[in-house]
Protein backbone atom coordinates (compact mmCIF):
# COMPACT_ATOMS: atom_id res chain seq x y z
CA MET A 1 -38.32 -86.43 -236.53
CA ASN A 2 -40.47 -84.43 -234.10
CA LEU A 3 -43.09 -85.84 -231.71
CA SER A 4 -46.02 -85.25 -234.07
CA GLU A 5 -44.28 -87.03 -236.95
CA SER A 6 -43.30 -89.91 -234.67
CA ILE A 7 -46.92 -90.43 -233.63
CA LYS A 8 -48.22 -90.25 -237.21
CA SER A 9 -45.65 -92.78 -238.42
CA ASN A 10 -46.55 -95.33 -235.73
CA ALA A 11 -50.01 -96.78 -236.43
CA ARG A 12 -50.44 -98.39 -232.99
CA LEU A 13 -49.31 -95.29 -231.12
CA LYS A 14 -51.51 -93.08 -233.30
CA LYS A 15 -54.52 -95.29 -232.54
CA LEU A 16 -53.79 -95.17 -228.79
CA ILE A 17 -53.44 -91.38 -228.75
CA HIS A 18 -56.67 -91.05 -230.74
CA TYR A 19 -58.47 -93.28 -228.21
CA LEU A 20 -57.17 -91.20 -225.30
CA LEU A 21 -58.36 -87.98 -226.92
CA ILE A 22 -61.73 -89.07 -228.38
CA PRO A 23 -64.16 -91.85 -227.40
CA SER A 24 -64.45 -94.53 -230.09
CA GLY A 25 -66.87 -93.58 -232.87
CA GLN A 26 -67.31 -90.02 -231.61
CA ALA A 27 -66.18 -86.57 -232.78
CA ARG A 28 -66.29 -84.71 -229.46
CA PRO A 29 -63.06 -84.84 -227.43
CA ARG A 30 -63.01 -86.24 -223.92
CA TRP A 31 -63.89 -83.70 -221.23
CA TRP A 32 -60.36 -83.50 -219.87
CA VAL A 33 -59.06 -82.47 -223.31
CA SER A 34 -61.53 -79.58 -223.47
CA VAL A 35 -60.84 -78.48 -219.90
CA PHE A 36 -57.11 -79.04 -219.41
CA VAL A 37 -55.49 -79.19 -222.87
CA ASN A 38 -57.26 -77.05 -225.46
CA PRO A 39 -57.32 -73.77 -223.46
CA TRP A 40 -53.52 -73.82 -223.35
CA LEU A 41 -52.98 -74.74 -226.99
CA HIS A 42 -55.59 -72.80 -228.97
CA GLN A 43 -55.43 -69.04 -229.31
CA ARG A 44 -58.35 -66.79 -228.42
CA GLY A 45 -58.06 -63.04 -228.87
CA LYS A 46 -59.12 -60.39 -226.41
CA GLY A 47 -62.90 -60.37 -225.95
CA ALA A 48 -63.42 -63.56 -228.00
CA GLN A 49 -66.42 -65.59 -226.87
CA VAL A 50 -67.68 -69.13 -227.34
CA CYS A 51 -71.28 -69.28 -226.10
CA ARG A 52 -72.20 -71.89 -223.50
CA THR A 53 -74.20 -74.27 -225.69
CA ALA A 54 -71.76 -74.28 -228.62
CA ARG A 55 -70.29 -77.73 -229.25
CA MET A 56 -66.54 -77.42 -229.70
CA ASP A 57 -65.23 -80.64 -231.25
CA VAL A 58 -61.77 -79.13 -231.06
CA LEU A 59 -58.69 -81.33 -230.70
CA PRO A 60 -55.09 -80.49 -229.80
CA PHE A 61 -53.45 -81.95 -232.92
CA GLN A 62 -55.00 -79.35 -235.29
CA PRO A 63 -55.02 -75.55 -234.93
CA PHE A 64 -58.04 -73.59 -233.75
CA THR A 65 -57.89 -69.81 -233.39
CA LEU A 66 -60.62 -67.29 -232.56
CA GLY A 67 -59.73 -63.65 -233.11
CA SER A 68 -60.32 -60.64 -230.91
CA GLN A 69 -63.97 -59.71 -230.28
CA SER A 70 -65.19 -62.68 -232.35
CA THR A 71 -68.07 -64.91 -231.27
CA VAL A 72 -69.18 -68.49 -231.81
CA GLU A 73 -72.89 -68.36 -231.02
CA ASP A 74 -75.09 -70.87 -229.17
CA TYR A 75 -75.78 -74.31 -230.69
CA CYS A 76 -72.89 -74.04 -233.17
CA VAL A 77 -70.56 -76.95 -233.92
CA VAL A 78 -66.88 -76.34 -234.66
CA ASN A 79 -64.75 -79.34 -235.66
CA ASN A 80 -61.02 -79.27 -236.40
CA GLY A 81 -60.49 -83.03 -236.44
CA ILE A 82 -59.51 -83.18 -240.12
CA GLY A 83 -58.18 -79.66 -240.66
CA PRO A 84 -57.56 -76.37 -238.87
CA VAL A 85 -60.26 -73.82 -238.14
CA ARG A 86 -59.13 -70.18 -238.03
CA ILE A 87 -61.50 -67.28 -237.38
CA GLY A 88 -60.27 -63.68 -237.59
CA ASP A 89 -61.11 -60.58 -235.55
CA TYR A 90 -64.60 -59.10 -235.12
CA SER A 91 -66.31 -62.03 -236.83
CA ARG A 92 -69.45 -63.88 -235.78
CA VAL A 93 -70.52 -67.47 -236.39
CA GLY A 94 -74.31 -67.35 -236.11
CA ILE A 95 -76.65 -69.52 -234.05
CA GLY A 96 -76.77 -73.19 -235.04
CA SER A 97 -74.01 -72.99 -237.67
CA VAL A 98 -71.53 -75.78 -238.40
CA VAL A 99 -67.86 -75.22 -239.27
CA ILE A 100 -65.79 -78.31 -240.20
CA GLY A 101 -62.13 -77.70 -241.03
CA PRO A 102 -60.04 -77.00 -242.90
CA VAL A 103 -61.73 -73.59 -242.84
CA THR A 104 -60.31 -70.07 -242.63
CA ILE A 105 -62.71 -67.21 -241.87
CA GLY A 106 -61.34 -63.68 -242.13
CA SER A 107 -62.00 -60.59 -240.03
CA GLN A 108 -65.24 -58.59 -239.91
CA VAL A 109 -67.20 -61.56 -241.31
CA ILE A 110 -70.91 -62.05 -240.63
CA ILE A 111 -72.10 -65.65 -240.71
CA ALA A 112 -75.83 -65.85 -240.15
CA GLN A 113 -77.90 -68.67 -238.62
CA HIS A 114 -77.72 -72.37 -239.57
CA VAL A 115 -74.88 -72.02 -242.06
CA VAL A 116 -72.82 -75.12 -242.92
CA ILE A 117 -69.19 -74.62 -243.95
CA SER A 118 -67.25 -77.83 -244.54
CA GLY A 119 -63.81 -78.55 -245.93
CA LEU A 120 -64.50 -82.28 -245.57
CA ASN A 121 -65.81 -84.83 -248.07
CA HIS A 122 -66.52 -88.55 -247.69
CA GLY A 123 -65.31 -91.07 -250.23
CA TYR A 124 -68.05 -93.12 -251.88
CA GLU A 125 -66.44 -94.69 -254.96
CA ASP A 126 -66.00 -98.23 -253.60
CA VAL A 127 -69.49 -99.75 -253.70
CA GLN A 128 -68.32 -102.76 -251.69
CA VAL A 129 -67.58 -100.59 -248.63
CA PRO A 130 -70.08 -98.46 -246.66
CA ILE A 131 -69.48 -94.77 -247.26
CA ARG A 132 -68.85 -94.11 -243.55
CA GLN A 133 -65.92 -96.55 -243.66
CA GLN A 134 -64.24 -95.04 -246.73
CA PRO A 135 -61.39 -92.52 -246.47
CA VAL A 136 -62.25 -88.84 -246.19
CA THR A 137 -60.72 -86.07 -248.25
CA SER A 138 -60.39 -82.40 -247.47
CA ARG A 139 -59.98 -79.14 -249.38
CA PRO A 140 -59.71 -75.82 -247.56
CA VAL A 141 -62.59 -73.34 -247.47
CA VAL A 142 -61.53 -69.69 -247.29
CA ILE A 143 -63.88 -66.80 -246.51
CA ASP A 144 -62.06 -63.50 -246.91
CA ASP A 145 -62.57 -60.36 -244.82
CA GLU A 146 -65.84 -58.44 -244.61
CA CYS A 147 -68.09 -61.11 -246.14
CA TRP A 148 -71.76 -61.62 -245.26
CA ILE A 149 -73.00 -65.21 -245.42
CA GLY A 150 -76.80 -65.42 -245.21
CA ALA A 151 -78.92 -67.86 -243.22
CA ASN A 152 -79.07 -71.54 -244.25
CA VAL A 153 -76.18 -71.26 -246.70
CA VAL A 154 -74.05 -74.34 -247.50
CA ILE A 155 -70.43 -73.79 -248.53
CA THR A 156 -68.70 -76.89 -249.88
CA ALA A 157 -65.06 -78.01 -249.74
CA GLY A 158 -62.48 -76.13 -251.79
CA VAL A 159 -64.46 -72.88 -252.18
CA ARG A 160 -62.97 -69.41 -251.71
CA ILE A 161 -65.26 -66.44 -251.10
CA GLY A 162 -63.61 -63.15 -251.97
CA LYS A 163 -63.46 -60.01 -249.85
CA HIS A 164 -66.70 -58.11 -249.14
CA ALA A 165 -68.82 -60.67 -250.98
CA VAL A 166 -72.43 -61.45 -250.08
CA VAL A 167 -73.93 -64.94 -250.25
CA ALA A 168 -77.74 -64.76 -250.18
CA ALA A 169 -79.77 -66.86 -247.74
CA GLY A 170 -80.34 -70.48 -248.73
CA SER A 171 -77.57 -70.60 -251.33
CA VAL A 172 -75.39 -73.64 -252.00
CA VAL A 173 -71.89 -72.49 -252.92
CA THR A 174 -69.88 -75.00 -254.97
CA LYS A 175 -67.50 -72.63 -256.81
CA ASP A 176 -65.34 -69.64 -255.90
CA VAL A 177 -67.12 -66.32 -255.36
CA PRO A 178 -65.41 -63.15 -256.64
CA ALA A 179 -64.59 -60.31 -254.28
CA TYR A 180 -67.16 -57.50 -254.10
CA SER A 181 -69.97 -59.56 -255.57
CA VAL A 182 -73.40 -60.94 -254.65
CA VAL A 183 -74.33 -64.56 -255.35
CA ALA A 184 -77.51 -66.54 -254.78
CA GLY A 185 -79.18 -69.84 -255.64
CA ASN A 186 -78.50 -73.58 -255.79
CA PRO A 187 -75.90 -73.75 -257.13
CA ALA A 188 -75.02 -70.15 -256.34
CA ARG A 189 -74.57 -67.85 -259.33
CA LEU A 190 -73.42 -64.27 -259.72
CA LEU A 191 -76.14 -61.61 -259.40
CA LYS A 192 -74.27 -58.36 -258.76
CA ALA A 193 -70.72 -57.06 -258.81
CA TYR A 194 -69.18 -53.79 -257.69
CA ASP A 195 -67.89 -51.67 -260.56
CA GLU A 196 -64.99 -49.54 -259.36
CA ALA A 197 -65.12 -47.20 -262.35
CA SER A 198 -68.71 -46.12 -261.73
CA GLY A 199 -68.75 -46.71 -257.97
CA GLN A 200 -71.93 -48.75 -258.35
CA TRP A 201 -73.15 -52.30 -257.73
CA LEU A 202 -74.23 -53.61 -261.12
CA ARG A 203 -76.55 -56.49 -261.98
CA VAL A 204 -74.95 -59.36 -263.86
CA PRO A 205 -77.38 -61.14 -266.24
CA TYR A 206 -77.06 -64.91 -266.24
CA ILE A 207 -76.38 -66.26 -269.73
CA ALA A 208 -75.40 -69.94 -269.89
CA ASN A 209 -71.90 -70.57 -271.28
CA LYS A 210 -71.29 -66.85 -271.93
CA PRO A 211 -69.35 -64.21 -269.97
CA HIS A 212 -71.22 -62.18 -267.36
CA THR A 213 -71.74 -58.60 -268.56
CA PRO A 214 -72.56 -56.07 -265.78
CA ILE A 215 -75.47 -53.72 -266.39
CA PRO A 216 -76.81 -50.91 -264.12
CA ALA A 217 -78.73 -52.19 -261.09
């Protein structure tokens, strides 16, 4: 049994370690963790930048990686307390966005302003217990390479967004998004898809309970 498994299997030790890393009731790690521990544990590629006012709720017991030439803009929040956060090369997390792991963001991804991406959910089923005291669950969010996520988008737990997809501003994404497609709305639905045979982006009419049939844009 390694050190991590030993800590997890000992409830009292786990509680003590948690207290040493994070003040009670808070998500942000203690200052000494951010200054003396995280820089040695978490990988940042060449030219990667976390802007000064970004809030990095990043802890040593979960992975956090930031690829080469990638940026976490001002006023963002990144939290890996429940699951890892991995950001590829040449990607940008826009101003005021929130990323709560488990989340994987590919390379060459544009995330605009005030986007919320969360792999975390709160339990609510037991009506005798306040929601904040119920166990949390997590399902990974994956954003593949070359995607563009518009401003004020919400991406919920368990969603995968395929390569080179576009999510229009203000959308709420609750289901997987195909590669090379455009989605919009609340909940987000398919608007366009790239047709390899014609080399064109085609409109996809929305017909409830029927397959999407591309037509010329």
